[in-house]
């Protein structure tokens, strides 16, 4: 055991968690924090989950707390704990007589246990409870996840039977015991090795690497949902492209998303410095560097996945050129199949498919028209257009180009222009119907002249855009003869056009492009 007397360590353990461990200890049981939360505390990372292990049995745990959840075959009891900040930050388990559904945290408490044979490479055939912490720790996956901490008064004692602390210091991932045994118990641990490697910045030991290569086919025994969850954590890490490279190196990718490997060695030519595979990795990493969403990262990783299947060689005298016509359509279809196979939610699938299908929206900023840009906005939706531009940026950076070259900046300016509400009489607080109904103006050109004259007033002083004021002003304008009113109306239209031009110039200046 190693004693830990570190105030920083002490303060990072939430009171809800201490409440659970203290309750177990007061009842005469052992209570340890275990697994990933201990690893993260040592690494000075914020734990996402808090797991407790104890020599108490499930029925004994349940008796100690007022509200628990126990719905599994592995002995894990979820203890429901609430925080009452209005009562001096008091921590206690949920009272039976509390009205309504209070917000609470669930702290998972699991008895020490041993696990027997894994016939399906996923779940133990039998779980047996134990009285020894050692039995529980030796069944865990990696040494850095097989440490436990027990609070004794104000001191924390670390139990580290497999040199997890040393592996943390050396930044290396090793399995507890023989890697073949661990991966044949649960093949998902191979994906977890990749995930921990990229999340923590750790290397994977030689022995563990060799075992993954030998057992990679076992990943096919794992459910798509469990694979998806680990895959998402890998690409949502800061080093997502390294994670995909490791999956490929370990022969795991070909058993999960073999379509991606079709891009290895698929030369593109032209402005592309990389083959399709490396281009997609660079694009994904740019999305990770920007901390962009899951959908954008998936689209970045797969936006050109259809290129190998759509590549054609065009040969002219002294020159060869590859074409990839329709690769965005092929790629969107392939991506939909992949994400459905991995059981992604329908919302994610539809979004990623749309981003890939439309990522080739336009290329020549000298020829693209504002109406074409508006059609693209309508096609993907205003709420998605900037995500599409992010995918386009990833595509650009994946070619080892600058993040925002002139062409991309021109797109940004044109999209902002397309999204901006045009300056028009529609912005007035009154319209032609009010002029006819409330003022009694006959339908005809005078209505348009009056509205444009009113618009000029509002453009000069937006505070005048009030219904009552505009109605009174319209009554005054209606007294004027046609010639005078027409002149005022045309002057208002000219003012509108000048202001439109000013606003567009501001957008172009903002993005550093010319009109």
Protein backbone atom coordinates (compact mmCIF):
# COMPACT_ATOMS: atom_id res chain seq x y z
CA UNK A 1 0.00 0.00 0.00
CA UNK A 2 1.06 3.57 -0.67
CA UNK A 3 -0.15 6.37 1.59
CA UNK A 4 -1.52 9.44 -0.11
CA UNK A 5 -1.77 12.63 1.87
CA UNK A 6 -2.60 15.14 -0.78
CA UNK A 7 -5.11 17.92 -0.21
CA UNK A 8 -5.64 18.32 -3.92
CA UNK A 9 -6.49 14.61 -4.16
CA UNK A 10 -8.85 14.93 -1.18
CA UNK A 11 -10.74 17.93 -2.55
CA UNK A 12 -11.31 16.32 -5.95
CA UNK A 13 -13.45 13.52 -4.55
CA UNK A 14 -17.10 14.72 -4.57
CA UNK A 15 -19.01 14.68 -1.30
CA UNK A 16 -21.59 12.34 -2.83
CA UNK A 17 -18.86 9.74 -3.35
CA UNK A 18 -17.39 10.21 0.13
CA UNK A 19 -20.89 9.88 1.58
CA UNK A 20 -21.19 6.41 0.01
CA UNK A 21 -17.75 5.17 1.06
CA UNK A 22 -18.08 6.65 4.57
CA UNK A 23 -21.48 4.98 5.03
CA UNK A 24 -20.03 1.59 4.06
CA UNK A 25 -17.01 2.04 6.34
CA UNK A 26 -19.16 3.08 9.33
CA UNK A 27 -21.17 -0.11 8.84
CA UNK A 28 -18.00 -2.15 9.24
CA UNK A 29 -17.26 -2.84 5.55
CA UNK A 30 -14.28 -2.01 3.38
CA UNK A 31 -14.90 0.60 0.67
CA UNK A 32 -12.47 1.48 -2.09
CA UNK A 33 -12.55 3.83 -5.03
CA UNK A 34 -11.43 1.71 -7.94
CA UNK A 35 -10.65 1.76 -11.66
CA UNK A 36 -10.64 4.74 -13.97
CA UNK A 37 -11.47 7.33 -11.33
CA UNK A 38 -8.31 6.44 -9.36
CA UNK A 39 -6.23 6.58 -12.55
CA UNK A 40 -7.65 9.99 -13.45
CA UNK A 41 -7.10 11.39 -9.95
CA UNK A 42 -3.45 10.38 -10.10
CA UNK A 43 -3.16 11.94 -13.58
CA UNK A 44 -4.83 15.11 -12.27
CA UNK A 45 -7.71 14.59 -14.69
CA UNK A 46 -11.39 15.08 -13.87
CA UNK A 47 -13.00 11.64 -13.45
CA UNK A 48 -16.20 11.16 -15.42
CA UNK A 49 -17.40 8.17 -13.41
CA UNK A 50 -16.92 7.11 -9.81
CA UNK A 51 -16.86 3.41 -9.00
CA UNK A 52 -16.73 1.89 -5.52
CA UNK A 53 -15.88 -1.69 -4.64
CA UNK A 54 -16.54 -3.31 -1.26
CA UNK A 55 -16.64 -6.60 0.62
CA UNK A 56 -20.35 -5.98 1.32
CA UNK A 57 -22.86 -8.08 -0.65
CA UNK A 58 -25.62 -6.45 -2.75
CA UNK A 59 -28.32 -7.03 -0.14
CA UNK A 60 -26.11 -5.47 2.55
CA UNK A 61 -25.38 -2.44 0.38
CA UNK A 62 -29.07 -1.93 -0.36
CA UNK A 63 -29.96 -1.93 3.37
CA UNK A 64 -27.54 0.94 4.07
CA UNK A 65 -29.14 3.44 1.69
CA UNK A 66 -32.67 4.75 1.26
CA UNK A 67 -32.75 4.62 -2.54
CA UNK A 68 -30.82 2.21 -4.73
CA UNK A 69 -31.05 0.65 -8.17
CA UNK A 70 -30.20 -3.04 -8.59
CA UNK A 71 -31.02 -4.42 -12.01
CA UNK A 72 -28.04 -6.47 -13.22
CA UNK A 73 -26.38 -9.85 -12.95
CA UNK A 74 -23.00 -8.57 -11.81
CA UNK A 75 -23.79 -7.42 -8.27
CA UNK A 76 -23.53 -3.69 -9.03
CA UNK A 77 -25.81 -1.53 -6.89
CA UNK A 78 -26.52 2.03 -7.94
CA UNK A 79 -26.77 4.27 -4.86
CA UNK A 80 -28.87 7.39 -5.53
CA UNK A 81 -27.46 10.45 -3.79
CA UNK A 82 -28.69 14.05 -3.94
CA UNK A 83 -26.99 17.33 -3.13
CA UNK A 84 -29.05 19.88 -1.19
CA UNK A 85 -27.14 23.11 -1.75
CA UNK A 86 -29.85 25.20 -0.05
CA UNK A 87 -29.22 23.35 3.21
CA UNK A 88 -25.52 24.05 3.52
CA UNK A 89 -24.40 21.65 0.78
CA UNK A 90 -25.63 18.63 2.72
CA UNK A 91 -25.06 15.28 1.05
CA UNK A 92 -27.35 12.38 1.80
CA UNK A 93 -29.10 9.55 0.04
CA UNK A 94 -32.57 10.21 -1.35
CA UNK A 95 -35.25 10.18 1.39
CA UNK A 96 -38.24 7.93 0.91
CA UNK A 97 -40.74 10.70 1.61
CA UNK A 98 -39.34 13.28 -0.82
CA UNK A 99 -42.02 14.55 -3.21
CA UNK A 100 -41.55 14.45 -6.97
CA UNK A 101 -38.46 13.23 -8.80
CA UNK A 102 -35.33 14.84 -7.30
CA UNK A 103 -32.13 15.19 -9.26
CA UNK A 104 -29.54 12.77 -8.00
CA UNK A 105 -26.22 11.17 -8.85
CA UNK A 106 -25.88 7.42 -9.06
CA UNK A 107 -22.71 6.04 -7.51
CA UNK A 108 -22.06 2.44 -8.58
CA UNK A 109 -21.02 0.10 -5.79
CA UNK A 110 -19.87 -3.41 -6.70
CA UNK A 111 -18.88 -6.24 -4.35
CA UNK A 112 -15.43 -7.77 -4.77
CA UNK A 113 -15.91 -10.46 -7.34
CA UNK A 114 -14.23 -13.07 -9.48
CA UNK A 115 -15.30 -13.97 -12.99
CA UNK A 116 -15.24 -17.42 -14.52
CA UNK A 117 -14.95 -18.50 -18.18
CA UNK A 118 -16.04 -16.09 -20.97
CA UNK A 119 -17.65 -18.40 -23.54
CA UNK A 120 -18.89 -15.56 -25.75
CA UNK A 121 -15.76 -13.35 -25.43
CA UNK A 122 -18.02 -10.65 -23.96
CA UNK A 123 -19.58 -11.67 -20.64
CA UNK A 124 -18.43 -13.95 -17.83
CA UNK A 125 -20.33 -17.23 -17.65
CA UNK A 126 -20.50 -16.83 -13.89
CA UNK A 127 -19.78 -14.06 -11.37
CA UNK A 128 -18.77 -15.03 -7.85
CA UNK A 129 -18.48 -12.62 -4.93
CA UNK A 130 -15.26 -12.56 -2.94
CA UNK A 131 -14.02 -11.29 0.39
CA UNK A 132 -10.64 -10.21 -1.01
CA UNK A 133 -9.86 -6.99 -2.90
CA UNK A 134 -7.10 -8.85 -4.75
CA UNK A 135 -9.64 -11.09 -6.48
CA UNK A 136 -11.47 -8.04 -7.81
CA UNK A 137 -8.39 -6.19 -9.04
CA UNK A 138 -6.85 -9.10 -10.90
CA UNK A 139 -9.93 -9.47 -13.15
CA UNK A 140 -9.57 -5.90 -14.49
CA UNK A 141 -8.26 -4.98 -17.93
CA UNK A 142 -5.18 -2.75 -17.61
CA UNK A 143 -2.79 -2.11 -14.74
CA UNK A 144 -3.60 1.61 -14.72
CA UNK A 145 -7.25 0.66 -14.12
CA UNK A 146 -6.47 -1.90 -11.42
CA UNK A 147 -5.62 0.44 -8.55
CA UNK A 148 -7.85 1.08 -5.54
CA UNK A 149 -7.93 3.84 -2.93
CA UNK A 150 -9.36 3.57 0.58
CA UNK A 151 -9.96 6.49 2.91
CA UNK A 152 -8.73 5.96 6.45
CA UNK A 153 -9.51 9.05 8.53
CA UNK A 154 -8.05 11.90 6.47
CA UNK A 155 -5.50 9.71 4.73
CA UNK A 156 -5.90 7.80 1.48
CA UNK A 157 -4.15 4.48 1.00
CA UNK A 158 -3.43 3.26 -2.52
CA UNK A 159 -3.49 -0.46 -3.29
CA UNK A 160 -1.41 -1.09 -6.43
CA UNK A 161 -0.77 -4.80 -6.88
CA UNK A 162 0.15 -4.69 -10.58
CA UNK A 163 2.43 -1.64 -10.77
CA UNK A 164 -0.20 0.62 -12.29
CA UNK A 165 1.46 3.66 -10.74
CA UNK A 166 4.75 2.76 -12.42
CA UNK A 167 2.97 2.34 -15.77
CA UNK A 168 1.35 5.75 -15.34
CA UNK A 169 4.79 7.25 -14.72
CA UNK A 170 6.12 5.49 -17.84
CA UNK A 171 2.98 6.31 -19.82
CA UNK A 172 2.47 2.74 -20.97
CA UNK A 173 -0.59 0.49 -21.16
CA UNK A 174 -0.19 -3.11 -20.00
CA UNK A 175 -2.84 -5.68 -19.27
CA UNK A 176 -3.33 -7.21 -15.84
CA UNK A 177 -1.79 -10.63 -16.30
CA UNK A 178 -1.51 -12.24 -19.75
CA UNK A 179 -2.99 -10.08 -22.51
CA UNK A 180 -4.34 -13.11 -24.37
CA UNK A 181 -6.40 -14.03 -21.32
CA UNK A 182 -7.77 -10.49 -20.91
CA UNK A 183 -8.73 -10.09 -24.59
CA UNK A 184 -10.31 -13.53 -24.84
CA UNK A 185 -12.39 -12.71 -21.78
CA UNK A 186 -13.70 -9.53 -23.41
CA UNK A 187 -12.53 -8.67 -26.92
CA UNK A 188 -13.76 -5.08 -26.54
CA UNK A 189 -10.68 -4.50 -24.38
CA UNK A 190 -8.65 -4.29 -27.59
CA UNK A 191 -10.63 -1.21 -28.61
CA UNK A 192 -10.34 0.14 -25.09
CA UNK A 193 -6.55 -0.17 -25.36
CA UNK A 194 -6.64 2.12 -28.41
CA UNK A 195 -9.05 4.49 -26.71
CA UNK A 196 -6.99 4.81 -23.53
CA UNK A 197 -3.83 5.24 -25.60
CA UNK A 198 -5.19 8.27 -27.47
CA UNK A 199 -7.08 9.74 -24.53
CA UNK A 200 -4.15 9.49 -22.10
CA UNK A 201 -1.26 9.83 -24.55
CA UNK A 202 0.12 6.41 -23.48
CA UNK A 203 1.97 3.89 -25.61
CA UNK A 204 0.81 0.26 -25.70
CA UNK A 205 3.29 -2.31 -24.47
CA UNK A 206 4.89 -4.69 -26.99
CA UNK A 207 3.34 -7.77 -25.41
CA UNK A 208 -0.12 -6.15 -25.43
CA UNK A 209 0.32 -5.04 -29.05
CA UNK A 210 1.32 -8.54 -30.17
CA UNK A 211 -1.72 -10.00 -28.43
CA UNK A 212 -4.11 -7.55 -30.10
CA UNK A 213 -2.68 -8.45 -33.51
CA UNK A 214 -3.12 -12.15 -32.73
CA UNK A 215 -6.67 -11.78 -31.41
CA UNK A 216 -8.03 -8.98 -33.63
CA UNK A 217 -10.64 -11.22 -35.27
CA UNK A 218 -12.34 -11.65 -31.90
CA UNK A 219 -13.69 -8.11 -32.21
CA UNK A 220 -16.36 -9.60 -34.49
CA UNK A 221 -17.78 -11.31 -31.41
CA UNK A 222 -18.66 -7.92 -29.90
CA UNK A 223 -22.01 -6.20 -30.40
CA UNK A 224 -22.16 -3.25 -32.77
CA UNK A 225 -23.43 -0.98 -30.00
CA UNK A 226 -20.40 -1.62 -27.76
CA UNK A 227 -18.02 -1.15 -30.71
CA UNK A 228 -19.78 2.10 -31.64
CA UNK A 229 -19.44 3.50 -28.14
CA UNK A 230 -15.68 2.89 -28.06
CA UNK A 231 -15.26 4.14 -31.64
CA UNK A 232 -17.03 7.39 -30.75
CA UNK A 233 -14.74 7.91 -27.75
CA UNK A 234 -11.72 7.38 -30.00
CA UNK A 235 -12.72 9.93 -32.64
CA UNK A 236 -13.88 12.40 -29.98
CA UNK A 237 -10.42 12.32 -28.40
CA UNK A 238 -7.82 15.01 -29.02
CA UNK A 239 -5.69 12.51 -30.98
CA UNK A 240 -8.46 10.98 -33.07
CA UNK A 241 -6.40 10.39 -36.23
CA UNK A 242 -3.79 8.50 -34.18
CA UNK A 243 -6.63 6.33 -32.87
CA UNK A 244 -7.77 5.44 -36.39
CA UNK A 245 -4.15 4.67 -37.34
CA UNK A 246 -3.83 2.33 -34.35
CA UNK A 247 -7.08 0.58 -35.26
CA UNK A 248 -5.68 -0.01 -38.74
CA UNK A 249 -2.26 -1.08 -37.45
CA UNK A 250 -3.85 -3.59 -35.06
CA UNK A 251 -6.07 -5.11 -37.82
CA UNK A 252 -9.16 -3.93 -35.94
CA UNK A 253 -10.35 -1.37 -38.49
CA UNK A 254 -10.75 -3.96 -41.23
CA UNK A 255 -13.14 -5.81 -38.93
CA UNK A 256 -15.11 -2.68 -38.07
CA UNK A 257 -15.01 -0.25 -41.03
CA UNK A 258 -13.14 -2.06 -43.82
CA UNK A 259 -14.38 0.55 -46.31
CA UNK A 260 -11.93 3.10 -44.90
CA UNK A 261 -8.96 0.89 -45.77
CA UNK A 262 -9.90 1.07 -49.47
CA UNK A 263 -8.36 4.55 -49.42
CA UNK A 264 -4.89 3.23 -48.47
CA UNK A 265 -2.63 3.81 -51.47
CA UNK A 266 -5.49 5.29 -53.52
CA UNK A 267 -3.61 8.05 -55.32
CA UNK A 268 -5.56 11.22 -56.10
CA UNK A 269 -3.18 13.47 -57.99
CA UNK A 270 -3.88 17.08 -58.86
CA UNK A 271 -3.85 19.38 -55.85
CA UNK A 272 -3.83 16.41 -53.44
CA UNK A 273 -0.49 15.59 -51.81
CA UNK A 274 -1.85 12.47 -50.07
CA UNK A 275 -3.68 9.30 -50.94
CA UNK A 276 -7.33 9.12 -49.87
CA UNK A 277 -6.49 7.39 -46.56
CA UNK A 278 -4.02 9.99 -45.32
CA UNK A 279 -6.19 12.84 -46.63
CA UNK A 280 -9.10 11.59 -44.49
CA UNK A 281 -6.86 11.26 -41.42
CA UNK A 282 -5.63 14.85 -41.81
CA UNK A 283 -9.21 16.06 -42.28
CA UNK A 284 -10.37 14.24 -39.14
CA UNK A 285 -7.50 15.59 -37.07
CA UNK A 286 -8.33 19.15 -38.10
CA UNK A 287 -11.88 18.63 -36.82
CA UNK A 288 -10.44 17.28 -33.57
CA UNK A 289 -8.00 20.21 -33.26
CA UNK A 290 -10.99 22.55 -33.60
CA UNK A 291 -12.97 20.50 -31.05
CA UNK A 292 -15.84 20.17 -33.49
CA UNK A 293 -18.88 17.94 -33.05
CA UNK A 294 -19.24 14.18 -33.56
CA UNK A 295 -21.14 14.66 -36.84
CA UNK A 296 -18.44 16.93 -38.28
CA UNK A 297 -15.69 14.50 -37.25
CA UNK A 298 -17.54 11.56 -38.81
CA UNK A 299 -18.12 13.55 -41.99
CA UNK A 300 -14.48 14.65 -42.09
CA UNK A 301 -13.31 11.05 -41.69
CA UNK A 302 -15.62 9.70 -44.38
CA UNK A 303 -16.26 12.61 -46.77
CA UNK A 304 -14.09 11.04 -49.52
CA UNK A 305 -14.69 7.39 -48.61
CA UNK A 306 -16.40 6.94 -51.99
CA UNK A 307 -13.37 8.01 -54.02
CA UNK A 308 -11.71 4.59 -54.42
CA UNK A 309 -14.93 3.15 -55.86
CA UNK A 310 -15.53 6.10 -58.20
CA UNK A 311 -11.94 6.68 -59.37
CA UNK A 312 -11.38 6.65 -63.13
CA UNK A 313 -8.14 7.20 -65.03
CA UNK A 314 -8.22 9.76 -67.80
CA UNK A 315 -5.20 9.58 -70.11
CA UNK A 316 -4.21 12.31 -72.55
CA UNK A 317 -0.94 12.51 -74.50
CA UNK A 318 1.87 12.83 -71.98
CA UNK A 319 -0.49 13.18 -69.04
CA UNK A 320 -2.66 11.04 -66.78
CA UNK A 321 -5.39 12.31 -64.51
CA UNK A 322 -7.74 10.69 -62.02
CA UNK A 323 -11.38 11.66 -61.84
CA UNK A 324 -13.82 10.96 -59.01
CA UNK A 325 -17.17 11.99 -60.46
CA UNK A 326 -20.05 11.38 -58.07
CA UNK A 327 -17.79 10.29 -55.22
CA UNK A 328 -19.84 12.39 -52.80
CA UNK A 329 -22.99 10.44 -53.73
CA UNK A 330 -21.21 7.09 -53.46
CA UNK A 331 -19.57 8.16 -50.19
CA UNK A 332 -22.81 9.35 -48.61
CA UNK A 333 -24.43 6.01 -49.44
CA UNK A 334 -21.47 4.04 -48.05
CA UNK A 335 -21.39 6.13 -44.87
CA UNK A 336 -25.10 5.58 -44.27
CA UNK A 337 -24.56 1.81 -44.48
CA UNK A 338 -21.55 1.98 -42.13
CA UNK A 339 -23.30 4.08 -39.49
CA UNK A 340 -26.43 1.94 -39.65
CA UNK A 341 -24.27 -1.15 -39.24
CA UNK A 342 -22.72 0.38 -36.10
CA UNK A 343 -26.18 1.26 -34.79
CA UNK A 344 -25.69 5.04 -34.73
CA UNK A 345 -28.83 7.05 -33.93
CA UNK A 346 -30.89 8.01 -36.97
CA UNK A 347 -30.34 11.72 -36.31
CA UNK A 348 -26.55 11.31 -36.49
CA UNK A 349 -26.78 9.22 -39.66
CA UNK A 350 -28.99 11.68 -41.51
CA UNK A 351 -26.79 14.64 -40.59
CA UNK A 352 -23.50 12.99 -41.58
CA UNK A 353 -24.99 11.64 -44.81
CA UNK A 354 -26.22 15.13 -45.73
CA UNK A 355 -22.85 16.74 -45.00
CA UNK A 356 -20.99 14.22 -47.14
CA UNK A 357 -23.51 14.32 -49.98
CA UNK A 358 -23.24 18.13 -50.24
CA UNK A 359 -19.57 18.72 -49.39
CA UNK A 360 -18.73 19.33 -53.09
CA UNK A 361 -21.28 22.17 -53.29
CA UNK A 362 -19.20 24.58 -55.41
CA UNK A 363 -15.62 25.22 -56.39
CA UNK A 364 -15.24 28.32 -58.55
CA UNK A 365 -15.88 31.49 -56.56
CA UNK A 366 -15.58 33.60 -59.70
CA UNK A 367 -18.54 31.87 -61.30
CA UNK A 368 -20.73 30.89 -58.36
CA UNK A 369 -23.81 33.08 -58.01
CA UNK A 370 -25.60 34.23 -54.87
CA UNK A 371 -28.72 32.39 -56.01
CA UNK A 372 -26.70 29.15 -56.19
CA UNK A 373 -25.46 29.73 -52.65
CA UNK A 374 -29.03 30.30 -51.50
CA UNK A 375 -30.02 26.98 -53.07
CA UNK A 376 -27.27 25.20 -51.10
CA UNK A 377 -28.46 26.87 -47.90
CA UNK A 378 -32.01 25.75 -48.63
CA UNK A 379 -30.80 22.24 -49.39
CA UNK A 380 -28.89 21.64 -46.13
CA UNK A 381 -30.83 24.07 -43.95
CA UNK A 382 -29.73 27.31 -42.33
CA UNK A 383 -29.00 25.43 -39.12
CA UNK A 384 -26.51 23.14 -40.91
CA UNK A 385 -24.77 25.42 -43.40
CA UNK A 386 -21.87 26.34 -41.12
CA UNK A 387 -21.29 22.68 -40.25
CA UNK A 388 -21.04 22.04 -43.98
CA UNK A 389 -18.46 24.81 -44.23
CA UNK A 390 -16.50 23.21 -41.39
CA UNK A 391 -16.41 19.93 -43.32
CA UNK A 392 -15.22 21.86 -46.36
CA UNK A 393 -12.48 23.42 -44.24
CA UNK A 394 -11.44 19.96 -43.02
CA UNK A 395 -11.32 18.82 -46.66
CA UNK A 396 -9.14 21.81 -47.53
CA UNK A 397 -6.75 21.33 -44.61
CA UNK A 398 -6.62 17.61 -45.42
CA UNK A 399 -4.93 18.65 -48.67
CA UNK A 400 -2.32 20.46 -46.54
CA UNK A 401 -3.73 23.81 -47.59
CA UNK A 402 -4.25 26.84 -45.39
CA UNK A 403 -7.25 26.79 -43.05
CA UNK A 404 -9.05 29.70 -44.72
CA UNK A 405 -7.59 30.56 -48.14
CA UNK A 406 -9.23 33.19 -50.33
CA UNK A 407 -11.67 30.73 -51.91
CA UNK A 408 -12.94 29.54 -48.53
CA UNK A 409 -13.22 33.09 -47.21
CA UNK A 410 -15.23 34.01 -50.29
CA UNK A 411 -17.63 31.15 -49.52
CA UNK A 412 -18.03 32.43 -45.97
CA UNK A 413 -18.85 35.94 -47.20
CA UNK A 414 -21.36 34.70 -49.78
CA UNK A 415 -23.11 32.45 -47.27
CA UNK A 416 -23.41 35.30 -44.77
CA UNK A 417 -24.82 37.45 -47.55
CA UNK A 418 -27.31 34.73 -48.46
CA UNK A 419 -28.35 34.31 -44.82
CA UNK A 420 -28.66 38.01 -44.12
CA UNK A 421 -32.18 39.40 -44.24
CA UNK A 422 -32.25 41.78 -47.21
CA UNK A 423 -33.07 45.43 -46.54
CA UNK A 424 -36.65 45.86 -47.72
CA UNK A 425 -40.03 47.35 -46.87
CA UNK A 426 -40.83 43.99 -45.24
CA UNK A 427 -38.83 45.22 -42.25
CA UNK A 428 -41.30 48.06 -41.64
CA UNK A 429 -43.79 47.78 -38.81
CA UNK A 430 -46.60 48.46 -41.26
CA UNK A 431 -47.42 47.05 -44.69
CA UNK A 432 -49.72 47.68 -47.65
CA UNK A 433 -52.69 46.04 -45.95
CA UNK A 434 -52.50 48.56 -43.10
CA UNK A 435 -52.25 51.45 -45.56
CA UNK A 436 -55.40 50.25 -47.32
CA UNK A 437 -57.36 49.26 -44.22
CA UNK A 438 -56.41 51.91 -41.63
CA UNK A 439 -55.66 54.92 -43.84
CA UNK A 440 -57.96 54.21 -46.76
CA UNK A 441 -55.35 54.42 -49.51
CA UNK A 442 -56.57 52.85 -52.74
CA UNK A 443 -54.57 49.87 -54.02
CA UNK A 444 -52.06 50.97 -56.65
CA UNK A 445 -48.53 52.36 -57.14
CA UNK A 446 -48.98 55.00 -54.41
CA UNK A 447 -48.75 52.26 -51.76
CA UNK A 448 -45.30 51.23 -53.01
CA UNK A 449 -44.09 54.85 -53.19
CA UNK A 450 -45.24 55.51 -49.62
CA UNK A 451 -43.63 52.34 -48.23
CA UNK A 452 -40.29 53.12 -49.91
CA UNK A 453 -40.43 56.71 -48.59
CA UNK A 454 -41.11 55.34 -45.10
CA UNK A 455 -38.17 52.93 -45.48
CA UNK A 456 -35.82 55.85 -46.19
CA UNK A 457 -36.92 57.47 -42.92
CA UNK A 458 -36.32 54.25 -40.96
CA UNK A 459 -32.91 53.63 -42.54
CA UNK A 460 -31.81 57.08 -41.38
CA UNK A 461 -33.34 56.61 -37.92
CA UNK A 462 -34.33 53.02 -36.93
CA UNK A 463 -36.10 54.36 -33.82
CA UNK A 464 -38.86 55.66 -36.14
CA UNK A 465 -39.86 52.10 -37.05
CA UNK A 466 -42.96 52.13 -34.86
CA UNK A 467 -46.42 51.40 -36.20
CA UNK A 468 -48.10 54.49 -34.71
CA UNK A 469 -45.42 56.87 -36.01
CA UNK A 470 -45.37 55.29 -39.48
CA UNK A 471 -49.14 55.48 -39.83
CA UNK A 472 -49.11 59.21 -39.05
CA UNK A 473 -46.23 59.75 -41.49
CA UNK A 474 -48.04 57.75 -44.18
CA UNK A 475 -51.13 59.96 -43.76
CA UNK A 476 -48.96 63.01 -44.42
CA UNK A 477 -47.34 61.41 -47.46
CA UNK A 478 -50.72 60.44 -48.87
CA UNK A 479 -51.63 64.12 -49.21
CA UNK A 480 -48.81 64.66 -51.72
CA UNK A 481 -49.45 64.53 -55.49
CA UNK A 482 -48.30 61.53 -57.51
CA UNK A 483 -45.19 63.16 -59.01
CA UNK A 484 -43.84 64.28 -55.65
CA UNK A 485 -44.69 60.98 -53.97
CA UNK A 486 -43.07 59.01 -56.82
CA UNK A 487 -39.86 61.03 -56.40
CA UNK A 488 -39.79 60.34 -52.64
CA UNK A 489 -40.44 56.65 -53.26
CA UNK A 490 -37.63 56.34 -55.82
CA UNK A 491 -35.26 58.17 -53.49
CA UNK A 492 -36.18 55.64 -50.80
CA UNK A 493 -35.34 52.75 -53.17
CA UNK A 494 -31.98 54.32 -53.98
CA UNK A 495 -31.29 54.67 -50.26
CA UNK A 496 -32.15 51.00 -49.77
CA UNK A 497 -29.76 49.94 -52.57
CA UNK A 498 -26.96 52.08 -51.15
CA UNK A 499 -27.42 50.56 -47.71
CA UNK A 500 -27.51 47.05 -49.20
CA UNK A 501 -24.21 47.75 -50.93
CA UNK A 502 -22.68 49.05 -47.69
CA UNK A 503 -23.74 45.92 -45.77
CA UNK A 504 -22.33 43.60 -48.45
CA UNK A 505 -19.06 45.55 -48.47
CA UNK A 506 -18.82 45.11 -44.69
CA UNK A 507 -19.20 41.34 -45.10
CA UNK A 508 -16.50 41.18 -47.75
CA UNK A 509 -14.17 43.31 -45.67
CA UNK A 510 -14.81 41.09 -42.65
CA UNK A 511 -13.68 38.01 -44.60
CA UNK A 512 -10.91 39.78 -46.50
CA UNK A 513 -12.36 39.28 -49.98
CA UNK A 514 -13.21 41.52 -52.89
CA UNK A 515 -16.71 42.12 -54.23
